[in-house]
Amino acid sequence: MEKMTRRTFLKRGFGILGAALAMACGGYGYARYIEPRMIEITRHTITSRLIPRGFDNFKIVQFSDTHLSDVFTSGDLNKAAEKINQLKPDLLIFTGDLIDKPHLFNDHQHALAVLQNLEAPFGKLCVYGNHDHGGYGTNTYKALMEAADFQVFRNGYHQVQLTDGSRIEFAFLDDVMLGKPDYEGTLSRLSEDAFSILIVHEPDAALKTGGYPVNLQLSGHTHGGQVQLPFFGPLITPPYGKTYTDGMYTLHDTAVYVNRGLGTTRLPYRFLARPEITLFTLKTEQK
C-alpha cells in the first residue's frame, strides 16, 4: 500500500473539498436557474361511466401557482401561455396564487395581456389561492382575472353543457387558508348522475369532501415541495398540503390531482419538482 504523506493527504483532502464545492455550486445553479424553467407537460386520461359521449376526448388544461414576481416574471408567464395554447384546451383551469406579493407587484398590464391571449372555447375558470387573498390582493386578483376573461369563483357552481344537453359539473371552493370555504353549501349542489370536478387551491381539502359526489379534484398550492429528495419526497410542504403533495391520488371514489405550479415562493429554487402544466383528457367508459 502506498504510504500517504502529509502533502498527499492535504492534496487529496483539498481535491475532495473542491469537488464537493463544485457539485454544490452546480446543484445551486441547477436548482436556481435551470429546473425552474424546465416546464413539464403532464398528461392524464380520466375515464368514467359518468362522462357523456359528447365529452369524449374533451381536453382540460390546468395551470397553477404562477407567483408572479421578479423571479417568475410576466415574460415567463408568456412562455408558459404559449405552451398552454399549443395544447389546444377545450377548457382552462387556474387553481390560484397568481401573484406572489400583490402589494408589491407592478406589472399588471403585461400579465393581463398574456392571460387574455390564453384560448379555450368552453371557458377559462379560476379560484383563489392564499396569495390571491394575501397582501390585500383579493379585489386585485378578481379584477385582473375577470379582465382576462376568466370566471372567478368563490364557493361557486358551474356547468359545461353541450348542445345535446349533456353536461359535466364543477364546484369551486374559496381558499382554505385565508378565505371562507363553504363545503356543504357548495358541494351539495353536485349531482350523483353527473361527472363532477372540484376546483380548490389546497389539496388537503379532499379530507373534508367525503360523502359528496366529487369524481375529480384539481388543486395546486404545494409546488411539489419545490425541493424533493430521492426516496424521501418533498422536504417541506405548506399547511393544507401535507397529505397530498404532488401528482395523482385516489381517495375513495375521488381522484385528487396536485399540480406543482409554475412559479416559486420564499426561495427561488426547484429540485426534482419541475414546474408543470397538466392536460386531462376525458374519456367515456365503454359499457
C-alpha atoms as a PDB file:
ATOM      1  CA  MET A   1       0.000   0.000   0.000  1.00  0.00           C
ATOM      2  CA  GLU A   2       1.271   3.428  -0.916  1.00  0.00           C
ATOM      3  CA  LYS A   3       2.344   5.427   2.120  1.00  0.00           C
ATOM      4  CA  MET A   4       0.354   8.671   2.343  1.00  0.00           C
ATOM      5  CA  THR A   5       2.453  11.681   3.126  1.00  0.00           C
ATOM      6  CA  ARG A   6       1.063  14.807   4.740  1.00  0.00           C
ATOM      7  CA  ARG A   7       1.349  16.589   1.423  1.00  0.00           C
ATOM      8  CA  THR A   8      -0.576  13.840  -0.361  1.00  0.00           C
ATOM      9  CA  PHE A   9      -3.218  13.813   2.347  1.00  0.00           C
ATOM     10  CA  LEU A  10      -3.721  17.570   2.104  1.00  0.00           C
ATOM     11  CA  LYS A  11      -3.747  17.442  -1.669  1.00  0.00           C
ATOM     12  CA  ARG A  12      -6.430  14.743  -1.731  1.00  0.00           C
ATOM     13  CA  GLY A  13      -8.387  16.476   1.004  1.00  0.00           C
ATOM     14  CA  PHE A  14      -8.445  19.755  -0.872  1.00  0.00           C
ATOM     15  CA  GLY A  15      -9.359  17.865  -4.035  1.00  0.00           C
ATOM     16  CA  ILE A  16     -12.360  16.231  -2.361  1.00  0.00           C
ATOM     17  CA  LEU A  17     -13.385  19.573  -0.834  1.00  0.00           C
ATOM     18  CA  GLY A  18     -13.045  21.282  -4.192  1.00  0.00           C
ATOM     19  CA  ALA A  19     -15.133  18.601  -5.873  1.00  0.00           C
ATOM     20  CA  ALA A  20     -17.799  18.892  -3.179  1.00  0.00           C
ATOM     21  CA  LEU A  21     -17.887  22.671  -3.563  1.00  0.00           C
ATOM     22  CA  ALA A  22     -18.109  22.360  -7.339  1.00  0.00           C
ATOM     23  CA  MET A  23     -21.008  19.913  -7.005  1.00  0.00           C
ATOM     24  CA  ALA A  24     -22.720  22.201  -4.518  1.00  0.00           C
ATOM     25  CA  CYS A  25     -22.285  25.197  -6.809  1.00  0.00           C
ATOM     26  CA  GLY A  26     -23.512  23.148  -9.755  1.00  0.00           C
ATOM     27  CA  GLY A  27     -26.509  21.974  -7.756  1.00  0.00           C
ATOM     28  CA  TYR A  28     -27.292  25.539  -6.753  1.00  0.00           C
ATOM     29  CA  GLY A  29     -27.100  26.717 -10.348  1.00  0.00           C
ATOM     30  CA  TYR A  30     -29.362  23.891 -11.490  1.00  0.00           C
ATOM     31  CA  ALA A  31     -31.948  24.442  -8.740  1.00  0.00           C
ATOM     32  CA  ARG A  32     -31.894  28.223  -9.132  1.00  0.00           C
ATOM     33  CA  TYR A  33     -31.633  28.793 -12.876  1.00  0.00           C
ATOM     34  CA  ILE A  34     -32.304  25.574 -14.790  1.00  0.00           C
ATOM     35  CA  GLU A  35     -35.053  23.424 -13.280  1.00  0.00           C
ATOM     36  CA  PRO A  36     -37.396  26.374 -12.530  1.00  0.00           C
ATOM     37  CA  ARG A  37     -37.542  26.955 -16.299  1.00  0.00           C
ATOM     38  CA  MET A  38     -37.989  23.272 -17.265  1.00  0.00           C
ATOM     39  CA  ILE A  39     -41.776  23.241 -17.640  1.00  0.00           C
ATOM     40  CA  GLU A  40     -43.144  19.711 -17.826  1.00  0.00           C
ATOM     41  CA  ILE A  41     -46.376  18.880 -19.649  1.00  0.00           C
ATOM     42  CA  THR A  42     -48.005  16.019 -17.755  1.00  0.00           C
ATOM     43  CA  ARG A  43     -50.865  14.130 -19.381  1.00  0.00           C
ATOM     44  CA  HIS A  44     -53.613  12.130 -17.741  1.00  0.00           C
ATOM     45  CA  THR A  45     -56.630  10.314 -19.130  1.00  0.00           C
ATOM     46  CA  ILE A  46     -59.718  10.419 -16.917  1.00  0.00           C
ATOM     47  CA  THR A  47     -62.187   7.625 -17.655  1.00  0.00           C
ATOM     48  CA  SER A  48     -65.646   7.371 -16.129  1.00  0.00           C
ATOM     49  CA  ARG A  49     -69.064   5.967 -16.979  1.00  0.00           C
ATOM     50  CA  LEU A  50     -70.432   9.395 -15.960  1.00  0.00           C
ATOM     51  CA  ILE A  51     -68.591  11.223 -18.743  1.00  0.00           C
ATOM     52  CA  PRO A  52     -71.102  11.701 -21.591  1.00  0.00           C
ATOM     53  CA  ARG A  53     -70.151  10.608 -25.076  1.00  0.00           C
ATOM     54  CA  GLY A  54     -70.172  14.213 -26.221  1.00  0.00           C
ATOM     55  CA  PHE A  55     -67.285  14.896 -23.814  1.00  0.00           C
ATOM     56  CA  ASP A  56     -65.169  12.004 -25.085  1.00  0.00           C
ATOM     57  CA  ASN A  57     -61.663  13.443 -25.745  1.00  0.00           C
ATOM     58  CA  PHE A  58     -62.625  16.750 -24.106  1.00  0.00           C
ATOM     59  CA  LYS A  59     -59.377  18.447 -23.020  1.00  0.00           C
ATOM     60  CA  ILE A  60     -58.958  20.329 -19.753  1.00  0.00           C
ATOM     61  CA  VAL A  61     -55.678  22.109 -19.062  1.00  0.00           C
ATOM     62  CA  GLN A  62     -54.708  23.099 -15.519  1.00  0.00           C
ATOM     63  CA  PHE A  63     -52.035  25.589 -14.545  1.00  0.00           C
ATOM     64  CA  SER A  64     -51.360  26.924 -11.095  1.00  0.00           C
ATOM     65  CA  ASP A  65     -49.202  28.911  -8.680  1.00  0.00           C
ATOM     66  CA  THR A  66     -47.501  31.296 -11.074  1.00  0.00           C
ATOM     67  CA  HIS A  67     -46.422  33.557  -8.180  1.00  0.00           C
ATOM     68  CA  LEU A  68     -45.632  36.449 -10.492  1.00  0.00           C
ATOM     69  CA  SER A  69     -42.643  38.406  -9.190  1.00  0.00           C
ATOM     70  CA  ASP A  70     -39.123  39.406 -10.147  1.00  0.00           C
ATOM     71  CA  VAL A  71     -38.312  35.677 -10.172  1.00  0.00           C
ATOM     72  CA  PHE A  72     -41.210  34.392 -12.298  1.00  0.00           C
ATOM     73  CA  THR A  73     -41.999  37.364 -14.495  1.00  0.00           C
ATOM     74  CA  SER A  74     -44.764  38.212 -16.932  1.00  0.00           C
ATOM     75  CA  GLY A  75     -42.302  37.181 -19.633  1.00  0.00           C
ATOM     76  CA  ASP A  76     -42.022  33.736 -18.051  1.00  0.00           C
ATOM     77  CA  LEU A  77     -45.810  33.597 -17.880  1.00  0.00           C
ATOM     78  CA  ASN A  78     -45.943  34.344 -21.595  1.00  0.00           C
ATOM     79  CA  LYS A  79     -43.689  31.363 -22.351  1.00  0.00           C
ATOM     80  CA  ALA A  80     -45.957  29.130 -20.284  1.00  0.00           C
ATOM     81  CA  ALA A  81     -49.029  30.567 -22.029  1.00  0.00           C
ATOM     82  CA  GLU A  82     -47.586  29.646 -25.409  1.00  0.00           C
ATOM     83  CA  LYS A  83     -47.235  26.043 -24.241  1.00  0.00           C
ATOM     84  CA  ILE A  84     -50.799  26.065 -22.930  1.00  0.00           C
ATOM     85  CA  ASN A  85     -52.231  27.343 -26.210  1.00  0.00           C
ATOM     86  CA  GLN A  86     -50.268  24.706 -28.113  1.00  0.00           C
ATOM     87  CA  LEU A  87     -52.227  22.045 -26.185  1.00  0.00           C
ATOM     88  CA  LYS A  88     -55.484  23.496 -27.595  1.00  0.00           C
ATOM     89  CA  PRO A  89     -57.556  23.043 -24.442  1.00  0.00           C
ATOM     90  CA  ASP A  90     -61.327  22.950 -24.587  1.00  0.00           C
ATOM     91  CA  LEU A  91     -61.428  24.303 -21.034  1.00  0.00           C
ATOM     92  CA  LEU A  92     -58.750  26.078 -18.987  1.00  0.00           C
ATOM     93  CA  ILE A  93     -58.465  25.942 -15.180  1.00  0.00           C
ATOM     94  CA  PHE A  94     -56.232  28.107 -12.962  1.00  0.00           C
ATOM     95  CA  THR A  95     -56.021  26.856  -9.380  1.00  0.00           C
ATOM     96  CA  GLY A  96     -54.782  30.010  -7.666  1.00  0.00           C
ATOM     97  CA  ASP A  97     -51.786  32.034  -6.475  1.00  0.00           C
ATOM     98  CA  LEU A  98     -51.314  34.343  -9.447  1.00  0.00           C
ATOM     99  CA  ILE A  99     -49.054  36.974  -7.831  1.00  0.00           C
ATOM    100  CA  ASP A 100     -46.537  36.217  -5.095  1.00  0.00           C
ATOM    101  CA  LYS A 101     -46.863  39.542  -3.244  1.00  0.00           C
ATOM    102  CA  PRO A 102     -49.823  41.501  -4.627  1.00  0.00           C
ATOM    103  CA  HIS A 103     -48.971  44.699  -2.732  1.00  0.00           C
ATOM    104  CA  LEU A 104     -45.514  44.830  -4.394  1.00  0.00           C
ATOM    105  CA  PHE A 105     -46.228  43.641  -7.939  1.00  0.00           C
ATOM    106  CA  ASN A 106     -46.428  46.376 -10.598  1.00  0.00           C
ATOM    107  CA  ASP A 107     -46.537  44.620 -13.967  1.00  0.00           C
ATOM    108  CA  HIS A 108     -50.279  44.050 -14.122  1.00  0.00           C
ATOM    109  CA  GLN A 109     -50.788  45.240 -17.702  1.00  0.00           C
ATOM    110  CA  HIS A 110     -48.247  42.844 -19.180  1.00  0.00           C
ATOM    111  CA  ALA A 111     -49.647  39.958 -17.132  1.00  0.00           C
ATOM    112  CA  LEU A 112     -53.171  40.875 -18.225  1.00  0.00           C
ATOM    113  CA  ALA A 113     -52.193  40.833 -21.897  1.00  0.00           C
ATOM    114  CA  VAL A 114     -50.717  37.350 -21.502  1.00  0.00           C
ATOM    115  CA  LEU A 115     -53.761  35.984 -19.683  1.00  0.00           C
ATOM    116  CA  GLN A 116     -56.081  37.499 -22.288  1.00  0.00           C
ATOM    117  CA  ASN A 117     -54.230  35.601 -25.020  1.00  0.00           C
ATOM    118  CA  LEU A 118     -54.998  32.226 -23.441  1.00  0.00           C
ATOM    119  CA  GLU A 119     -57.616  30.428 -25.521  1.00  0.00           C
ATOM    120  CA  ALA A 120     -60.232  27.848 -24.519  1.00  0.00           C
ATOM    121  CA  PRO A 121     -63.594  27.705 -26.336  1.00  0.00           C
ATOM    122  CA  PHE A 122     -65.544  26.371 -23.330  1.00  0.00           C
ATOM    123  CA  GLY A 123     -64.169  28.951 -20.942  1.00  0.00           C
ATOM    124  CA  LYS A 124     -61.405  29.936 -18.543  1.00  0.00           C
ATOM    125  CA  LEU A 125     -62.185  29.268 -14.877  1.00  0.00           C
ATOM    126  CA  CYS A 126     -60.267  30.040 -11.691  1.00  0.00           C
ATOM    127  CA  VAL A 127     -60.327  30.061  -7.884  1.00  0.00           C
ATOM    128  CA  TYR A 128     -58.499  31.975  -5.175  1.00  0.00           C
ATOM    129  CA  GLY A 129     -55.268  30.810  -3.595  1.00  0.00           C
ATOM    130  CA  ASN A 130     -53.882  32.077  -0.292  1.00  0.00           C
ATOM    131  CA  HIS A 131     -51.561  34.547  -2.059  1.00  0.00           C
ATOM    132  CA  ASP A 132     -54.517  35.940  -4.014  1.00  0.00           C
ATOM    133  CA  HIS A 133     -56.217  36.893  -0.755  1.00  0.00           C
ATOM    134  CA  GLY A 134     -52.972  37.897   0.993  1.00  0.00           C
ATOM    135  CA  GLY A 135     -51.296  41.287   0.658  1.00  0.00           C
ATOM    136  CA  TYR A 136     -54.671  42.994   0.182  1.00  0.00           C
ATOM    137  CA  GLY A 137     -54.900  41.237  -3.171  1.00  0.00           C
ATOM    138  CA  THR A 138     -58.468  39.882  -3.135  1.00  0.00           C
ATOM    139  CA  ASN A 139     -60.003  42.610  -5.306  1.00  0.00           C
ATOM    140  CA  THR A 140     -56.894  42.983  -7.466  1.00  0.00           C
ATOM    141  CA  TYR A 141     -56.958  39.291  -8.360  1.00  0.00           C
ATOM    142  CA  LYS A 142     -60.652  39.336  -9.188  1.00  0.00           C
ATOM    143  CA  ALA A 143     -60.356  42.436 -11.377  1.00  0.00           C
ATOM    144  CA  LEU A 144     -57.298  41.153 -13.232  1.00  0.00           C
ATOM    145  CA  MET A 145     -58.679  37.693 -13.935  1.00  0.00           C
ATOM    146  CA  GLU A 146     -62.090  38.949 -14.993  1.00  0.00           C
ATOM    147  CA  ALA A 147     -60.433  41.464 -17.338  1.00  0.00           C
ATOM    148  CA  ALA A 148     -58.617  38.475 -18.872  1.00  0.00           C
ATOM    149  CA  ASP A 149     -61.988  36.722 -19.475  1.00  0.00           C
ATOM    150  CA  PHE A 150     -61.658  34.246 -16.602  1.00  0.00           C
ATOM    151  CA  GLN A 151     -64.683  33.402 -14.488  1.00  0.00           C
ATOM    152  CA  VAL A 152     -63.620  33.834 -10.865  1.00  0.00           C
ATOM    153  CA  PHE A 153     -65.312  31.591  -8.303  1.00  0.00           C
ATOM    154  CA  ARG A 154     -65.561  31.568  -4.512  1.00  0.00           C
ATOM    155  CA  ASN A 155     -67.775  28.718  -3.325  1.00  0.00           C
ATOM    156  CA  GLY A 156     -69.393  28.506  -6.737  1.00  0.00           C
ATOM    157  CA  TYR A 157     -71.062  26.046  -9.088  1.00  0.00           C
ATOM    158  CA  HIS A 158     -70.760  25.830 -12.868  1.00  0.00           C
ATOM    159  CA  GLN A 159     -71.888  23.563 -15.686  1.00  0.00           C
ATOM    160  CA  VAL A 160     -70.345  22.996 -19.074  1.00  0.00           C
ATOM    161  CA  GLN A 161     -73.224  21.895 -21.257  1.00  0.00           C
ATOM    162  CA  LEU A 162     -73.249  20.752 -24.880  1.00  0.00           C
ATOM    163  CA  THR A 163     -75.968  21.389 -27.433  1.00  0.00           C
ATOM    164  CA  ASP A 164     -77.277  17.846 -26.934  1.00  0.00           C
ATOM    165  CA  GLY A 165     -77.969  18.653 -23.270  1.00  0.00           C
ATOM    166  CA  SER A 166     -75.162  16.535 -21.831  1.00  0.00           C
ATOM    167  CA  ARG A 167     -73.063  18.199 -19.124  1.00  0.00           C
ATOM    168  CA  ILE A 168     -70.245  17.996 -16.636  1.00  0.00           C
ATOM    169  CA  GLU A 169     -70.346  19.874 -13.321  1.00  0.00           C
ATOM    170  CA  PHE A 170     -67.818  21.982 -11.464  1.00  0.00           C
ATOM    171  CA  ALA A 171     -67.691  23.087  -7.835  1.00  0.00           C
ATOM    172  CA  PHE A 172     -65.293  25.770  -6.617  1.00  0.00           C
ATOM    173  CA  LEU A 173     -64.223  26.326  -3.012  1.00  0.00           C
ATOM    174  CA  ASP A 174     -62.749  29.522  -1.639  1.00  0.00           C
ATOM    175  CA  ASP A 175     -59.158  29.365  -0.398  1.00  0.00           C
ATOM    176  CA  VAL A 176     -58.908  27.182   2.699  1.00  0.00           C
ATOM    177  CA  MET A 177     -56.176  29.206   4.451  1.00  0.00           C
ATOM    178  CA  LEU A 178     -57.356  32.800   4.054  1.00  0.00           C
ATOM    179  CA  GLY A 179     -60.817  32.509   2.547  1.00  0.00           C
ATOM    180  CA  LYS A 180     -64.116  31.134   3.762  1.00  0.00           C
ATOM    181  CA  PRO A 181     -64.744  27.793   2.058  1.00  0.00           C
ATOM    182  CA  ASP A 182     -68.337  26.594   2.241  1.00  0.00           C
ATOM    183  CA  TYR A 183     -68.113  22.833   1.804  1.00  0.00           C
ATOM    184  CA  GLU A 184     -71.761  21.975   2.452  1.00  0.00           C
ATOM    185  CA  GLY A 185     -73.304  24.885   0.586  1.00  0.00           C
ATOM    186  CA  THR A 186     -71.116  24.319  -2.464  1.00  0.00           C
ATOM    187  CA  LEU A 187     -70.692  20.557  -2.763  1.00  0.00           C
ATOM    188  CA  SER A 188     -74.326  19.759  -2.002  1.00  0.00           C
ATOM    189  CA  ARG A 189     -75.174  21.253  -5.409  1.00  0.00           C
ATOM    190  CA  LEU A 190     -73.374  18.454  -7.243  1.00  0.00           C
ATOM    191  CA  SER A 191     -75.397  15.656  -8.820  1.00  0.00           C
ATOM    192  CA  GLU A 192     -74.901  11.933  -8.328  1.00  0.00           C
ATOM    193  CA  ASP A 193     -75.607  11.272 -12.011  1.00  0.00           C
ATOM    194  CA  ALA A 194     -73.144  13.823 -13.477  1.00  0.00           C
ATOM    195  CA  PHE A 195     -69.350  13.778 -13.732  1.00  0.00           C
ATOM    196  CA  SER A 196     -68.207  16.384 -11.209  1.00  0.00           C
ATOM    197  CA  ILE A 197     -64.914  18.218 -10.783  1.00  0.00           C
ATOM    198  CA  LEU A 198     -63.938  20.153  -7.652  1.00  0.00           C
ATOM    199  CA  ILE A 199     -61.540  23.077  -8.042  1.00  0.00           C
ATOM    200  CA  VAL A 200     -59.833  24.182  -4.823  1.00  0.00           C
ATOM    201  CA  HIS A 201     -56.367  25.605  -4.225  1.00  0.00           C
ATOM    202  CA  GLU A 202     -55.361  23.451  -1.252  1.00  0.00           C
ATOM    203  CA  PRO A 203     -55.294  19.689  -1.958  1.00  0.00           C
ATOM    204  CA  ASP A 204     -55.959  18.563   1.611  1.00  0.00           C
ATOM    205  CA  ALA A 205     -59.471  19.945   1.249  1.00  0.00           C
ATOM    206  CA  ALA A 206     -60.128  16.424  -0.064  1.00  0.00           C
ATOM    207  CA  LEU A 207     -60.047  15.199   3.530  1.00  0.00           C
ATOM    208  CA  LYS A 208     -63.348  17.018   4.123  1.00  0.00           C
ATOM    209  CA  THR A 209     -65.200  16.195   0.894  1.00  0.00           C
ATOM    210  CA  GLY A 210     -66.086  12.578   1.617  1.00  0.00           C
ATOM    211  CA  GLY A 211     -69.765  11.878   1.123  1.00  0.00           C
ATOM    212  CA  TYR A 212     -70.093  14.357  -1.744  1.00  0.00           C
ATOM    213  CA  PRO A 213     -70.182  13.186  -5.391  1.00  0.00           C
ATOM    214  CA  VAL A 214     -66.769  14.550  -6.419  1.00  0.00           C
ATOM    215  CA  ASN A 215     -65.156  12.482  -9.178  1.00  0.00           C
ATOM    216  CA  LEU A 216     -62.036  14.576  -9.706  1.00  0.00           C
ATOM    217  CA  GLN A 217     -60.381  17.293  -7.608  1.00  0.00           C
ATOM    218  CA  LEU A 218     -57.828  19.685  -9.108  1.00  0.00           C
ATOM    219  CA  SER A 219     -55.528  21.595  -6.739  1.00  0.00           C
ATOM    220  CA  GLY A 220     -52.133  23.288  -6.538  1.00  0.00           C
ATOM    221  CA  HIS A 221     -50.587  25.073  -3.541  1.00  0.00           C
ATOM    222  CA  THR A 222     -47.709  22.710  -2.666  1.00  0.00           C
ATOM    223  CA  HIS A 223     -45.349  23.322  -5.630  1.00  0.00           C
ATOM    224  CA  GLY A 224     -44.454  19.668  -5.095  1.00  0.00           C
ATOM    225  CA  GLY A 225     -42.436  20.970  -2.157  1.00  0.00           C
ATOM    226  CA  GLN A 226     -40.188  22.880  -4.629  1.00  0.00           C
ATOM    227  CA  VAL A 227     -37.273  20.768  -3.363  1.00  0.00           C
ATOM    228  CA  GLN A 228     -37.544  16.972  -3.197  1.00  0.00           C
ATOM    229  CA  LEU A 229     -35.047  14.308  -2.219  1.00  0.00           C
ATOM    230  CA  PRO A 230     -34.852  10.890  -3.908  1.00  0.00           C
ATOM    231  CA  PHE A 231     -36.741   8.179  -1.962  1.00  0.00           C
ATOM    232  CA  PHE A 232     -37.944  10.832   0.507  1.00  0.00           C
ATOM    233  CA  GLY A 233     -40.060  13.305  -1.434  1.00  0.00           C
ATOM    234  CA  PRO A 234     -40.759  16.943  -0.570  1.00  0.00           C
ATOM    235  CA  LEU A 235     -38.720  18.430   2.259  1.00  0.00           C
ATOM    236  CA  ILE A 236     -41.396  20.934   3.247  1.00  0.00           C
ATOM    237  CA  THR A 237     -44.978  21.491   2.155  1.00  0.00           C
ATOM    238  CA  PRO A 238     -47.384  24.218   3.322  1.00  0.00           C
ATOM    239  CA  PRO A 239     -50.438  23.863   5.570  1.00  0.00           C
ATOM    240  CA  TYR A 240     -53.312  22.019   3.882  1.00  0.00           C
ATOM    241  CA  GLY A 241     -50.766  20.419   1.546  1.00  0.00           C
ATOM    242  CA  LYS A 242     -49.310  17.805   3.877  1.00  0.00           C
ATOM    243  CA  THR A 243     -51.277  14.713   2.852  1.00  0.00           C
ATOM    244  CA  TYR A 244     -51.499  15.271  -0.904  1.00  0.00           C
ATOM    245  CA  THR A 245     -48.305  16.868  -2.183  1.00  0.00           C
ATOM    246  CA  ASP A 246     -47.660  16.078  -5.848  1.00  0.00           C
ATOM    247  CA  GLY A 247     -49.408  14.183  -8.621  1.00  0.00           C
ATOM    248  CA  MET A 248     -52.393  11.829  -8.652  1.00  0.00           C
ATOM    249  CA  TYR A 249     -54.048  10.196  -5.639  1.00  0.00           C
ATOM    250  CA  THR A 250     -57.215   8.186  -5.132  1.00  0.00           C
ATOM    251  CA  LEU A 251     -59.412   8.832  -2.114  1.00  0.00           C
ATOM    252  CA  HIS A 252     -62.486   6.584  -2.070  1.00  0.00           C
ATOM    253  CA  ASP A 253     -64.221   7.394  -5.382  1.00  0.00           C
ATOM    254  CA  THR A 254     -62.362  10.672  -5.950  1.00  0.00           C
ATOM    255  CA  ALA A 255     -59.194  11.202  -7.977  1.00  0.00           C
ATOM    256  CA  VAL A 256     -57.180  14.039  -6.414  1.00  0.00           C
ATOM    257  CA  TYR A 257     -54.602  15.770  -8.587  1.00  0.00           C
ATOM    258  CA  VAL A 258     -51.959  18.162  -7.216  1.00  0.00           C
ATOM    259  CA  ASN A 259     -50.284  20.349  -9.820  1.00  0.00           C
ATOM    260  CA  ARG A 260     -46.721  21.504  -8.942  1.00  0.00           C
ATOM    261  CA  GLY A 261     -47.340  25.017 -10.265  1.00  0.00           C
ATOM    262  CA  LEU A 262     -45.149  27.222 -12.406  1.00  0.00           C
ATOM    263  CA  GLY A 263     -43.500  29.741 -10.078  1.00  0.00           C
ATOM    264  CA  THR A 264     -41.788  29.642  -6.708  1.00  0.00           C
ATOM    265  CA  THR A 265     -42.269  31.380  -3.383  1.00  0.00           C
ATOM    266  CA  ARG A 266     -39.990  32.301  -0.471  1.00  0.00           C
ATOM    267  CA  LEU A 267     -36.951  30.607  -2.047  1.00  0.00           C
ATOM    268  CA  PRO A 268     -36.434  30.688  -5.843  1.00  0.00           C
ATOM    269  CA  TYR A 269     -35.401  27.031  -6.142  1.00  0.00           C
ATOM    270  CA  ARG A 270     -36.770  23.840  -7.612  1.00  0.00           C
ATOM    271  CA  PHE A 271     -35.114  20.441  -7.371  1.00  0.00           C
ATOM    272  CA  LEU A 272     -36.842  17.249  -8.555  1.00  0.00           C
ATOM    273  CA  ALA A 273     -40.063  19.271  -8.630  1.00  0.00           C
ATOM    274  CA  ARG A 274     -40.257  20.682 -12.127  1.00  0.00           C
ATOM    275  CA  PRO A 275     -42.840  23.369 -12.930  1.00  0.00           C
ATOM    276  CA  GLU A 276     -45.900  21.853 -14.515  1.00  0.00           C
ATOM    277  CA  ILE A 277     -48.818  22.283 -16.883  1.00  0.00           C
ATOM    278  CA  THR A 278     -51.327  19.436 -16.783  1.00  0.00           C
ATOM    279  CA  LEU A 279     -53.503  18.134 -19.601  1.00  0.00           C
ATOM    280  CA  PHE A 280     -56.508  15.986 -18.686  1.00  0.00           C
ATOM    281  CA  THR A 281     -58.328  14.145 -21.459  1.00  0.00           C
ATOM    282  CA  LEU A 282     -61.804  12.911 -20.577  1.00  0.00           C
ATOM    283  CA  LYS A 283     -62.855   9.507 -21.872  1.00  0.00           C
ATOM    284  CA  THR A 284     -66.233   7.838 -21.812  1.00  0.00           C
ATOM    285  CA  GLU A 285     -66.090   4.411 -20.188  1.00  0.00           C
ATOM    286  CA  GLN A 286     -67.316   1.790 -22.626  1.00  0.00           C
ATOM    287  CA  LYS A 287     -70.332  -0.071 -21.248  1.00  0.00           C
END
